[in-house]
PDB file of N, CA and C in Angstrom:
ATOM      1  N   MET A   1      36.427   4.892  -1.160  1.00  0.00           N
ATOM      2  CA  MET A   1      35.117   4.536  -0.617  1.00  0.00           C
ATOM      3  C   MET A   1      33.819   4.974  -0.766  1.00  0.00           C
ATOM      4  N   THR A   2      33.810   6.133  -1.130  1.00  0.00           N
ATOM      5  CA  THR A   2      32.721   7.134  -1.729  1.00  0.00           C
ATOM      6  C   THR A   2      32.191   6.473  -2.695  1.00  0.00           C
ATOM      7  N   ASN A   3      33.088   6.316  -3.527  1.00  0.00           N
ATOM      8  CA  ASN A   3      32.540   5.721  -4.871  1.00  0.00           C
ATOM      9  C   ASN A   3      32.155   4.198  -4.873  1.00  0.00           C
ATOM     10  N   ILE A   4      32.607   3.414  -3.845  1.00  0.00           N
ATOM     11  CA  ILE A   4      31.931   1.965  -3.632  1.00  0.00           C
ATOM     12  C   ILE A   4      30.528   2.132  -2.960  1.00  0.00           C
ATOM     13  N   LEU A   5      30.508   3.112  -2.010  1.00  0.00           N
ATOM     14  CA  LEU A   5      29.276   3.251  -1.488  1.00  0.00           C
ATOM     15  C   LEU A   5      28.091   3.347  -2.380  1.00  0.00           C
ATOM     16  N   LEU A   6      28.579   4.593  -3.115  1.00  0.00           N
ATOM     17  CA  LEU A   6      27.519   4.981  -4.215  1.00  0.00           C
ATOM     18  C   LEU A   6      27.087   3.741  -5.343  1.00  0.00           C
ATOM     19  N   ILE A   7      28.158   3.438  -5.777  1.00  0.00           N
ATOM     20  CA  ILE A   7      27.846   1.693  -6.740  1.00  0.00           C
ATOM     21  C   ILE A   7      26.999   1.085  -6.206  1.00  0.00           C
ATOM     22  N   VAL A   8      27.396   0.632  -4.625  1.00  0.00           N
ATOM     23  CA  VAL A   8      26.383  -0.210  -3.773  1.00  0.00           C
ATOM     24  C   VAL A   8      24.663   0.286  -3.692  1.00  0.00           C
ATOM     25  N   LEU A   9      24.709   1.578  -3.329  1.00  0.00           N
ATOM     26  CA  LEU A   9      23.548   2.154  -3.045  1.00  0.00           C
ATOM     27  C   LEU A   9      22.732   2.101  -4.564  1.00  0.00           C
ATOM     28  N   GLY A  10      23.563   2.165  -5.814  1.00  0.00           N
ATOM     29  CA  GLY A  10      22.861   2.238  -6.905  1.00  0.00           C
ATOM     30  C   GLY A  10      22.529   0.995  -7.237  1.00  0.00           C
ATOM     31  N   LEU A  11      23.205   0.031  -6.781  1.00  0.00           N
ATOM     32  CA  LEU A  11      22.535  -1.251  -7.092  1.00  0.00           C
ATOM     33  C   LEU A  11      21.303  -1.964  -6.574  1.00  0.00           C
ATOM     34  N   VAL A  12      21.923  -1.551  -5.446  1.00  0.00           N
ATOM     35  CA  VAL A  12      20.304  -1.777  -4.401  1.00  0.00           C
ATOM     36  C   VAL A  12      19.100  -0.911  -4.870  1.00  0.00           C
ATOM     37  N   LEU A  13      19.308   0.449  -5.090  1.00  0.00           N
ATOM     38  CA  LEU A  13      18.121   0.923  -5.870  1.00  0.00           C
ATOM     39  C   LEU A  13      17.451   0.442  -7.202  1.00  0.00           C
ATOM     40  N   GLY A  14      18.506   0.160  -8.163  1.00  0.00           N
ATOM     41  CA  GLY A  14      18.245  -0.530  -9.288  1.00  0.00           C
ATOM     42  C   GLY A  14      17.638  -1.977  -8.855  1.00  0.00           C
ATOM     43  N   CYS A  15      17.751  -2.928  -8.237  1.00  0.00           N
ATOM     44  CA  CYS A  15      17.372  -4.056  -7.855  1.00  0.00           C
ATOM     45  C   CYS A  15      15.868  -3.490  -7.707  1.00  0.00           C
ATOM     46  N   LEU A  16      15.504  -2.655  -6.692  1.00  0.00           N
ATOM     47  CA  LEU A  16      14.164  -2.112  -6.123  1.00  0.00           C
ATOM     48  C   LEU A  16      13.331  -1.832  -7.192  1.00  0.00           C
ATOM     49  N   VAL A  17      13.891  -0.881  -7.955  1.00  0.00           N
ATOM     50  CA  VAL A  17      13.358  -0.728  -9.490  1.00  0.00           C
ATOM     51  C   VAL A  17      12.840  -1.573 -10.313  1.00  0.00           C
ATOM     52  N   LEU A  18      13.837  -2.463 -10.543  1.00  0.00           N
ATOM     53  CA  LEU A  18      13.624  -3.648 -11.626  1.00  0.00           C
ATOM     54  C   LEU A  18      12.669  -4.561 -11.017  1.00  0.00           C
ATOM     55  N   SER A  19      12.526  -4.882  -9.428  1.00  0.00           N
ATOM     56  CA  SER A  19      11.748  -5.604  -8.893  1.00  0.00           C
ATOM     57  C   SER A  19      10.514  -5.096  -9.030  1.00  0.00           C
ATOM     58  N   TYR A  20      10.135  -3.734  -8.918  1.00  0.00           N
ATOM     59  CA  TYR A  20       9.093  -2.994  -8.720  1.00  0.00           C
ATOM     60  C   TYR A  20       8.139  -3.246 -10.021  1.00  0.00           C
ATOM     61  N   PHE A  21       9.124  -3.201 -11.413  1.00  0.00           N
ATOM     62  CA  PHE A  21       8.391  -3.233 -12.699  1.00  0.00           C
ATOM     63  C   PHE A  21       8.276  -4.551 -13.090  1.00  0.00           C
ATOM     64  N   PHE A  22       9.105  -5.715 -12.783  1.00  0.00           N
ATOM     65  CA  PHE A  22       9.226  -7.310 -13.252  1.00  0.00           C
ATOM     66  C   PHE A  22       8.339  -8.102 -12.591  1.00  0.00           C
ATOM     67  N   ILE A  23       8.766  -8.059 -10.936  1.00  0.00           N
ATOM     68  CA  ILE A  23       8.053  -8.711 -10.149  1.00  0.00           C
ATOM     69  C   ILE A  23       7.286  -7.989  -8.990  1.00  0.00           C
ATOM     70  N   PRO A  24       6.323  -7.004  -9.214  1.00  0.00           N
ATOM     71  CA  PRO A  24       5.736  -6.510  -8.207  1.00  0.00           C
ATOM     72  C   PRO A  24       5.033  -7.352  -7.103  1.00  0.00           C
ATOM     73  N   ALA A  25       4.579  -8.185  -7.656  1.00  0.00           N
ATOM     74  CA  ALA A  25       3.387  -9.284  -6.415  1.00  0.00           C
ATOM     75  C   ALA A  25       4.670  -9.880  -5.565  1.00  0.00           C
ATOM     76  N   ARG A  26       5.702  -9.853  -5.578  1.00  0.00           N
ATOM     77  CA  ARG A  26       6.752 -10.669  -4.549  1.00  0.00           C
ATOM     78  C   ARG A  26       7.379  -9.339  -4.034  1.00  0.00           C
ATOM     79  N   LEU A  27       7.351  -8.128  -4.496  1.00  0.00           N
ATOM     80  CA  LEU A  27       7.765  -6.793  -3.423  1.00  0.00           C
ATOM     81  C   LEU A  27       6.281  -6.813  -2.691  1.00  0.00           C
ATOM     82  N   PHE A  28       5.526  -6.736  -3.317  1.00  0.00           N
ATOM     83  CA  PHE A  28       4.532  -6.609  -2.535  1.00  0.00           C
ATOM     84  C   PHE A  28       4.263  -7.569  -1.225  1.00  0.00           C
ATOM     85  N   ASP A  29       4.195  -8.915  -1.343  1.00  0.00           N
ATOM     86  CA  ASP A  29       4.138  -9.659  -0.489  1.00  0.00           C
ATOM     87  C   ASP A  29       5.216  -9.575   0.331  1.00  0.00           C
ATOM     88  N   ALA A  30       6.389  -9.195   0.176  1.00  0.00           N
ATOM     89  CA  ALA A  30       7.675  -8.933   1.132  1.00  0.00           C
ATOM     90  C   ALA A  30       7.194  -7.562   1.856  1.00  0.00           C
ATOM     91  N   LEU A  31       6.740  -6.629   1.422  1.00  0.00           N
ATOM     92  CA  LEU A  31       6.397  -5.353   2.428  1.00  0.00           C
ATOM     93  C   LEU A  31       5.050  -6.226   3.023  1.00  0.00           C
ATOM     94  N   VAL A  32       4.052  -6.696   3.033  1.00  0.00           N
ATOM     95  CA  VAL A  32       3.318  -7.191   3.451  1.00  0.00           C
ATOM     96  C   VAL A  32       3.981  -7.824   4.797  1.00  0.00           C
ATOM     97  N   LEU A  33       4.594  -8.858   4.671  1.00  0.00           N
ATOM     98  CA  LEU A  33       5.436  -9.596   5.497  1.00  0.00           C
ATOM     99  C   LEU A  33       6.206  -8.805   6.553  1.00  0.00           C
ATOM    100  N   PHE A  34       6.909  -7.839   5.983  1.00  0.00           N
ATOM    101  CA  PHE A  34       7.617  -6.899   6.733  1.00  0.00           C
ATOM    102  C   PHE A  34       6.538  -6.130   7.662  1.00  0.00           C
ATOM    103  N   THR A  35       5.488  -5.639   7.435  1.00  0.00           N
ATOM    104  CA  THR A  35       5.021  -5.031   8.188  1.00  0.00           C
ATOM    105  C   THR A  35       4.068  -6.072   9.185  1.00  0.00           C
ATOM    106  N   ARG A  36       3.675  -7.154   8.911  1.00  0.00           N
ATOM    107  CA  ARG A  36       3.569  -8.198   9.685  1.00  0.00           C
ATOM    108  C   ARG A  36       4.096  -8.441  11.084  1.00  0.00           C
ATOM    109  N   LEU A  37       5.556  -8.794  10.631  1.00  0.00           N
ATOM    110  CA  LEU A  37       6.741  -8.856  11.449  1.00  0.00           C
ATOM    111  C   LEU A  37       6.760  -7.641  12.618  1.00  0.00           C
ATOM    112  N   ARG A  38       7.113  -6.748  11.814  1.00  0.00           N
ATOM    113  CA  ARG A  38       7.051  -5.090  12.608  1.00  0.00           C
ATOM    114  C   ARG A  38       5.839  -5.229  13.678  1.00  0.00           C
ATOM    115  N   ALA A  39       4.797  -5.560  13.292  1.00  0.00           N
ATOM    116  CA  ALA A  39       3.758  -5.478  14.308  1.00  0.00           C
ATOM    117  C   ALA A  39       3.657  -6.539  15.360  1.00  0.00           C
ATOM    118  N   LYS A  40       4.195  -7.649  14.990  1.00  0.00           N
ATOM    119  CA  LYS A  40       4.380  -8.983  15.794  1.00  0.00           C
ATOM    120  C   LYS A  40       2.919  -9.468  15.702  1.00  0.00           C
ATOM    121  N   LEU A  41       2.539  -9.610  14.466  1.00  0.00           N
ATOM    122  CA  LEU A  41       1.140 -10.378  14.169  1.00  0.00           C
ATOM    123  C   LEU A  41       1.383 -11.382  13.451  1.00  0.00           C
ATOM    124  N   ASN A  42       0.802 -12.752  13.814  1.00  0.00           N
ATOM    125  CA  ASN A  42       0.827 -14.200  12.952  1.00  0.00           C
ATOM    126  C   ASN A  42      -0.370 -14.494  12.316  1.00  0.00           C
ATOM    127  N   VAL A  43      -0.245 -15.070  10.889  1.00  0.00           N
ATOM    128  CA  VAL A  43      -1.459 -15.213  10.244  1.00  0.00           C
ATOM    129  C   VAL A  43      -1.839 -16.775  10.652  1.00  0.00           C
ATOM    130  N   ARG A  44      -2.956 -16.822  11.064  1.00  0.00           N
ATOM    131  CA  ARG A  44      -3.289 -17.985  11.460  1.00  0.00           C
ATOM    132  C   ARG A  44      -4.780 -18.322  10.912  1.00  0.00           C
ATOM    133  N   TYR A  45      -5.687 -19.541  11.190  1.00  0.00           N
ATOM    134  CA  TYR A  45      -6.334 -19.927  10.037  1.00  0.00           C
ATOM    135  C   TYR A  45      -7.714 -20.754  11.036  1.00  0.00           C
ATOM    136  N   CYS A  46      -9.083 -20.360  10.841  1.00  0.00           N
ATOM    137  CA  CYS A  46      -9.844 -21.209  11.223  1.00  0.00           C
ATOM    138  C   CYS A  46     -10.984 -21.459  10.575  1.00  0.00           C
ATOM    139  N   ASP A  47     -11.825 -22.738  10.654  1.00  0.00           N
ATOM    140  CA  ASP A  47     -12.626 -22.929   9.688  1.00  0.00           C
ATOM    141  C   ASP A  47     -14.248 -22.561  10.388  1.00  0.00           C
ATOM    142  N   VAL A  48     -15.021 -21.986   9.826  1.00  0.00           N
ATOM    143  CA  VAL A  48     -16.306 -21.546  10.077  1.00  0.00           C
ATOM    144  C   VAL A  48     -17.357 -21.982   9.433  1.00  0.00           C
ATOM    145  N   ASP A  49     -18.230 -22.822   9.798  1.00  0.00           N
ATOM    146  CA  ASP A  49     -19.239 -23.538   8.877  1.00  0.00           C
ATOM    147  C   ASP A  49     -18.916 -23.989   7.333  1.00  0.00           C
ATOM    148  N   GLY A  50     -17.806 -24.213   7.248  1.00  0.00           N
ATOM    149  CA  GLY A  50     -17.103 -24.967   5.978  1.00  0.00           C
ATOM    150  C   GLY A  50     -16.673 -23.570   5.371  1.00  0.00           C
ATOM    151  N   HIS A  51     -16.039 -22.464   5.813  1.00  0.00           N
ATOM    152  CA  HIS A  51     -15.629 -21.055   5.108  1.00  0.00           C
ATOM    153  C   HIS A  51     -14.026 -21.397   5.993  1.00  0.00           C
ATOM    154  N   ARG A  52     -13.168 -21.286   5.088  1.00  0.00           N
ATOM    155  CA  ARG A  52     -11.601 -20.953   5.767  1.00  0.00           C
ATOM    156  C   ARG A  52     -11.530 -19.602   5.817  1.00  0.00           C
ATOM    157  N   ILE A  53     -11.354 -18.988   7.322  1.00  0.00           N
ATOM    158  CA  ILE A  53     -11.039 -17.624   7.487  1.00  0.00           C
ATOM    159  C   ILE A  53      -9.537 -17.381   8.162  1.00  0.00           C
ATOM    160  N   PRO A  54      -8.672 -16.657   7.381  1.00  0.00           N
ATOM    161  CA  PRO A  54      -7.308 -16.535   7.720  1.00  0.00           C
ATOM    162  C   PRO A  54      -7.755 -15.089   9.230  1.00  0.00           C
ATOM    163  N   TYR A  55      -6.789 -15.081   9.698  1.00  0.00           N
ATOM    164  CA  TYR A  55      -6.885 -13.654  10.652  1.00  0.00           C
ATOM    165  C   TYR A  55      -5.333 -13.586  11.092  1.00  0.00           C
ATOM    166  N   LEU A  56      -5.242 -12.117  11.457  1.00  0.00           N
ATOM    167  CA  LEU A  56      -3.550 -12.188  12.133  1.00  0.00           C
ATOM    168  C   LEU A  56      -4.136 -12.171  13.767  1.00  0.00           C
ATOM    169  N   VAL A  57      -3.236 -12.579  14.536  1.00  0.00           N
ATOM    170  CA  VAL A  57      -3.191 -12.316  15.886  1.00  0.00           C
ATOM    171  C   VAL A  57      -1.647 -11.764  16.285  1.00  0.00           C
ATOM    172  N   GLY A  58      -1.937 -11.307  17.484  1.00  0.00           N
ATOM    173  CA  GLY A  58      -0.520 -10.928  18.173  1.00  0.00           C
ATOM    174  C   GLY A  58      -0.803 -10.071  19.552  1.00  0.00           C
ATOM    175  N   GLY A  59       0.312 -10.070  20.089  1.00  0.00           N
ATOM    176  CA  GLY A  59       0.174  -9.162  21.503  1.00  0.00           C
ATOM    177  C   GLY A  59      -0.466  -9.669  22.492  1.00  0.00           C
ATOM    178  N   ASP A  60      -0.147  -8.626  23.469  1.00  0.00           N
ATOM    179  CA  ASP A  60      -0.466  -9.425  24.955  1.00  0.00           C
ATOM    180  C   ASP A  60      -1.632  -8.434  25.697  1.00  0.00           C
ATOM    181  N   GLY A  61      -2.282  -8.990  26.414  1.00  0.00           N
ATOM    182  CA  GLY A  61      -3.234  -8.001  26.688  1.00  0.00           C
ATOM    183  C   GLY A  61      -5.041  -8.372  26.603  1.00  0.00           C
ATOM    184  N   PRO A  62      -5.812  -7.517  26.714  1.00  0.00           N
ATOM    185  CA  PRO A  62      -7.175  -7.825  26.402  1.00  0.00           C
ATOM    186  C   PRO A  62      -7.419  -7.703  25.300  1.00  0.00           C
ATOM    187  N   PRO A  63      -8.247  -8.788  24.648  1.00  0.00           N
ATOM    188  CA  PRO A  63      -8.743  -8.868  23.203  1.00  0.00           C
ATOM    189  C   PRO A  63      -9.292  -7.712  22.365  1.00  0.00           C
ATOM    190  N   LEU A  64      -8.766  -7.568  21.552  1.00  0.00           N
ATOM    191  CA  LEU A  64      -9.173  -6.331  20.399  1.00  0.00           C
ATOM    192  C   LEU A  64      -9.162  -6.778  19.246  1.00  0.00           C
ATOM    193  N   VAL A  65     -10.575  -6.869  18.790  1.00  0.00           N
ATOM    194  CA  VAL A  65     -10.776  -7.125  17.391  1.00  0.00           C
ATOM    195  C   VAL A  65     -11.210  -5.991  16.606  1.00  0.00           C
ATOM    196  N   LEU A  66      -9.990  -6.082  15.271  1.00  0.00           N
ATOM    197  CA  LEU A  66      -9.960  -5.098  14.182  1.00  0.00           C
ATOM    198  C   LEU A  66     -10.959  -5.362  12.852  1.00  0.00           C
ATOM    199  N   LEU A  67     -11.728  -4.927  12.694  1.00  0.00           N
ATOM    200  CA  LEU A  67     -12.372  -5.300  11.563  1.00  0.00           C
ATOM    201  C   LEU A  67     -12.385  -4.695  10.016  1.00  0.00           C
ATOM    202  N   HIS A  68     -11.928  -4.809   9.270  1.00  0.00           N
ATOM    203  CA  HIS A  68     -11.532  -4.174   7.882  1.00  0.00           C
ATOM    204  C   HIS A  68     -12.855  -3.720   7.254  1.00  0.00           C
ATOM    205  N   GLY A  69     -12.880  -2.347   6.368  1.00  0.00           N
ATOM    206  CA  GLY A  69     -13.830  -2.190   5.435  1.00  0.00           C
ATOM    207  C   GLY A  69     -13.939  -2.938   4.198  1.00  0.00           C
ATOM    208  N   PHE A  70     -14.965  -2.234   3.464  1.00  0.00           N
ATOM    209  CA  PHE A  70     -15.346  -2.780   1.894  1.00  0.00           C
ATOM    210  C   PHE A  70     -13.788  -2.541   1.105  1.00  0.00           C
ATOM    211  N   GLY A  71     -13.725  -3.685   0.656  1.00  0.00           N
ATOM    212  CA  GLY A  71     -12.637  -3.836  -0.222  1.00  0.00           C
ATOM    213  C   GLY A  71     -11.485  -3.660   0.370  1.00  0.00           C
ATOM    214  N   ALA A  72     -11.294  -3.760   1.616  1.00  0.00           N
ATOM    215  CA  ALA A  72      -9.709  -4.209   2.113  1.00  0.00           C
ATOM    216  C   ALA A  72      -9.582  -5.460   2.665  1.00  0.00           C
ATOM    217  N   ASP A  73      -8.212  -6.088   3.232  1.00  0.00           N
ATOM    218  CA  ASP A  73      -8.680  -7.108   4.213  1.00  0.00           C
ATOM    219  C   ASP A  73      -7.454  -6.882   5.368  1.00  0.00           C
ATOM    220  N   LYS A  74      -6.900  -8.073   6.155  1.00  0.00           N
ATOM    221  CA  LYS A  74      -6.715  -8.062   7.502  1.00  0.00           C
ATOM    222  C   LYS A  74      -5.482  -7.343   7.445  1.00  0.00           C
ATOM    223  N   ASP A  75      -4.715  -7.539   6.231  1.00  0.00           N
ATOM    224  CA  ASP A  75      -3.201  -6.740   6.573  1.00  0.00           C
ATOM    225  C   ASP A  75      -3.458  -5.133   6.347  1.00  0.00           C
ATOM    226  N   HIS A  76      -4.574  -4.561   6.093  1.00  0.00           N
ATOM    227  CA  HIS A  76      -4.554  -3.009   6.374  1.00  0.00           C
ATOM    228  C   HIS A  76      -4.680  -2.662   7.500  1.00  0.00           C
ATOM    229  N   TRP A  77      -4.588  -3.915   8.850  1.00  0.00           N
ATOM    230  CA  TRP A  77      -4.192  -3.463   9.863  1.00  0.00           C
ATOM    231  C   TRP A  77      -3.144  -3.436  10.587  1.00  0.00           C
ATOM    232  N   SER A  78      -1.893  -4.191   9.942  1.00  0.00           N
ATOM    233  CA  SER A  78      -0.736  -4.599  10.119  1.00  0.00           C
ATOM    234  C   SER A  78       0.065  -3.301  10.653  1.00  0.00           C
ATOM    235  N   VAL A  79      -0.149  -2.139   9.778  1.00  0.00           N
ATOM    236  CA  VAL A  79       0.513  -0.654  10.282  1.00  0.00           C
ATOM    237  C   VAL A  79      -0.035  -0.497  11.486  1.00  0.00           C
ATOM    238  N   VAL A  80      -1.343  -0.281  12.103  1.00  0.00           N
ATOM    239  CA  VAL A  80      -1.622   0.000  13.019  1.00  0.00           C
ATOM    240  C   VAL A  80      -1.345  -0.716  14.067  1.00  0.00           C
ATOM    241  N   GLY A  81      -1.314  -2.116  14.096  1.00  0.00           N
ATOM    242  CA  GLY A  81      -1.202  -3.008  14.762  1.00  0.00           C
ATOM    243  C   GLY A  81       0.197  -2.857  15.766  1.00  0.00           C
ATOM    244  N   ARG A  82       0.976  -2.556  14.961  1.00  0.00           N
ATOM    245  CA  ARG A  82       2.375  -2.624  15.755  1.00  0.00           C
ATOM    246  C   ARG A  82       2.015  -1.677  17.161  1.00  0.00           C
ATOM    247  N   TYR A  83       1.310  -0.648  17.061  1.00  0.00           N
ATOM    248  CA  TYR A  83       0.992   0.131  17.969  1.00  0.00           C
ATOM    249  C   TYR A  83      -0.044  -0.396  19.142  1.00  0.00           C
ATOM    250  N   LEU A  84      -0.617  -1.361  18.902  1.00  0.00           N
ATOM    251  CA  LEU A  84      -1.496  -1.872  19.457  1.00  0.00           C
ATOM    252  C   LEU A  84      -1.142  -3.347  20.421  1.00  0.00           C
ATOM    253  N   THR A  85      -0.233  -3.870  19.778  1.00  0.00           N
ATOM    254  CA  THR A  85       0.087  -5.432  20.232  1.00  0.00           C
ATOM    255  C   THR A  85       0.817  -5.228  21.928  1.00  0.00           C
ATOM    256  N   ASP A  86       1.439  -4.131  21.915  1.00  0.00           N
ATOM    257  CA  ASP A  86       2.008  -3.811  23.286  1.00  0.00           C
ATOM    258  C   ASP A  86       1.112  -3.583  24.200  1.00  0.00           C
ATOM    259  N   HIS A  87       0.096  -3.590  23.992  1.00  0.00           N
ATOM    260  CA  HIS A  87      -1.461  -3.407  25.064  1.00  0.00           C
ATOM    261  C   HIS A  87      -2.793  -4.089  25.012  1.00  0.00           C
ATOM    262  N   PHE A  88      -2.743  -4.805  23.751  1.00  0.00           N
ATOM    263  CA  PHE A  88      -4.087  -5.818  23.664  1.00  0.00           C
ATOM    264  C   PHE A  88      -3.563  -6.913  22.964  1.00  0.00           C
ATOM    265  N   THR A  89      -4.261  -7.984  22.917  1.00  0.00           N
ATOM    266  CA  THR A  89      -3.980  -9.050  21.997  1.00  0.00           C
ATOM    267  C   THR A  89      -4.666  -8.639  20.822  1.00  0.00           C
ATOM    268  N   VAL A  90      -4.272  -8.276  19.466  1.00  0.00           N
ATOM    269  CA  VAL A  90      -5.023  -8.060  18.430  1.00  0.00           C
ATOM    270  C   VAL A  90      -5.479  -9.447  17.625  1.00  0.00           C
ATOM    271  N   TYR A  91      -6.708  -8.958  17.083  1.00  0.00           N
ATOM    272  CA  TYR A  91      -7.382 -10.226  16.386  1.00  0.00           C
ATOM    273  C   TYR A  91      -7.987  -9.454  14.880  1.00  0.00           C
ATOM    274  N   ALA A  92      -7.215  -9.806  13.628  1.00  0.00           N
ATOM    275  CA  ALA A  92      -7.803  -9.118  12.603  1.00  0.00           C
ATOM    276  C   ALA A  92      -8.237  -9.959  11.793  1.00  0.00           C
ATOM    277  N   PRO A  93      -9.411 -10.439  11.298  1.00  0.00           N
ATOM    278  CA  PRO A  93      -9.777 -11.457  10.542  1.00  0.00           C
ATOM    279  C   PRO A  93      -9.674 -10.974   8.908  1.00  0.00           C
ATOM    280  N   ASP A  94      -9.809 -11.829   8.153  1.00  0.00           N
ATOM    281  CA  ASP A  94     -10.702 -11.408   6.623  1.00  0.00           C
ATOM    282  C   ASP A  94     -11.744 -11.776   7.139  1.00  0.00           C
ATOM    283  N   LEU A  95     -12.819 -10.679   6.601  1.00  0.00           N
ATOM    284  CA  LEU A  95     -14.209 -10.974   6.514  1.00  0.00           C
ATOM    285  C   LEU A  95     -14.504 -11.991   4.958  1.00  0.00           C
ATOM    286  N   PRO A  96     -15.546 -12.728   5.033  1.00  0.00           N
ATOM    287  CA  PRO A  96     -15.821 -13.488   4.087  1.00  0.00           C
ATOM    288  C   PRO A  96     -15.748 -13.067   2.696  1.00  0.00           C
ATOM    289  N   GLY A  97     -15.279 -13.295   1.616  1.00  0.00           N
ATOM    290  CA  GLY A  97     -15.337 -13.029   0.343  1.00  0.00           C
ATOM    291  C   GLY A  97     -13.786 -11.790   0.200  1.00  0.00           C
ATOM    292  N   PHE A  98     -13.180 -11.543   1.260  1.00  0.00           N
ATOM    293  CA  PHE A  98     -12.241 -10.544   1.193  1.00  0.00           C
ATOM    294  C   PHE A  98     -10.594 -11.041   1.405  1.00  0.00           C
ATOM    295  N   GLY A  99      -9.644 -10.402   0.802  1.00  0.00           N
ATOM    296  CA  GLY A  99      -8.302 -10.782   1.214  1.00  0.00           C
ATOM    297  C   GLY A  99      -8.147 -12.827   1.168  1.00  0.00           C
ATOM    298  N   GLU A 100      -7.721 -13.295   1.707  1.00  0.00           N
ATOM    299  CA  GLU A 100      -7.448 -14.610   1.655  1.00  0.00           C
ATOM    300  C   GLU A 100      -8.655 -15.471   1.978  1.00  0.00           C
ATOM    301  N   ALA A 101      -9.937 -15.123   2.312  1.00  0.00           N
ATOM    302  CA  ALA A 101     -11.040 -15.906   3.113  1.00  0.00           C
ATOM    303  C   ALA A 101     -11.539 -16.343   1.856  1.00  0.00           C
ATOM    304  N   ASP A 102     -12.365 -17.354   1.893  1.00  0.00           N
ATOM    305  CA  ASP A 102     -13.183 -17.938   1.157  1.00  0.00           C
ATOM    306  C   ASP A 102     -14.277 -17.517   0.637  1.00  0.00           C
ATOM    307  N   ARG A 103     -14.531 -17.232  -0.543  1.00  0.00           N
ATOM    308  CA  ARG A 103     -15.837 -16.608  -1.305  1.00  0.00           C
ATOM    309  C   ARG A 103     -17.158 -17.487  -1.435  1.00  0.00           C
ATOM    310  N   LYS A 104     -17.208 -18.582  -0.637  1.00  0.00           N
ATOM    311  CA  LYS A 104     -18.503 -19.571  -1.131  1.00  0.00           C
ATOM    312  C   LYS A 104     -19.714 -18.739  -0.715  1.00  0.00           C
ATOM    313  N   ILE A 105     -20.596 -19.168  -1.330  1.00  0.00           N
ATOM    314  CA  ILE A 105     -22.095 -18.712  -0.906  1.00  0.00           C
ATOM    315  C   ILE A 105     -23.267 -19.539  -0.130  1.00  0.00           C
TER     316      ILE A 105
END
């Protein structure tokens, strides 16, 4: 029984290591999706003056807008958002030119 458990654990760990080296983008996307789901945040889109702006929204309560800093995106708030969605309706947009937002001038 112990040998089988060690083999299964080794296979899972080996798959994670291989995916880290051969398909890191997929692994990163899966981790982002996991943190969004854990925080109960969903992606939505709006169009503002010809720019497509993605944002995360979730939770119940008064609205709380979270703005990211330079070089970041909306998903940086997913980790913190899980503590806020029980008390607030959280909105975390991608600012123009960052993340998935359009980069039009």
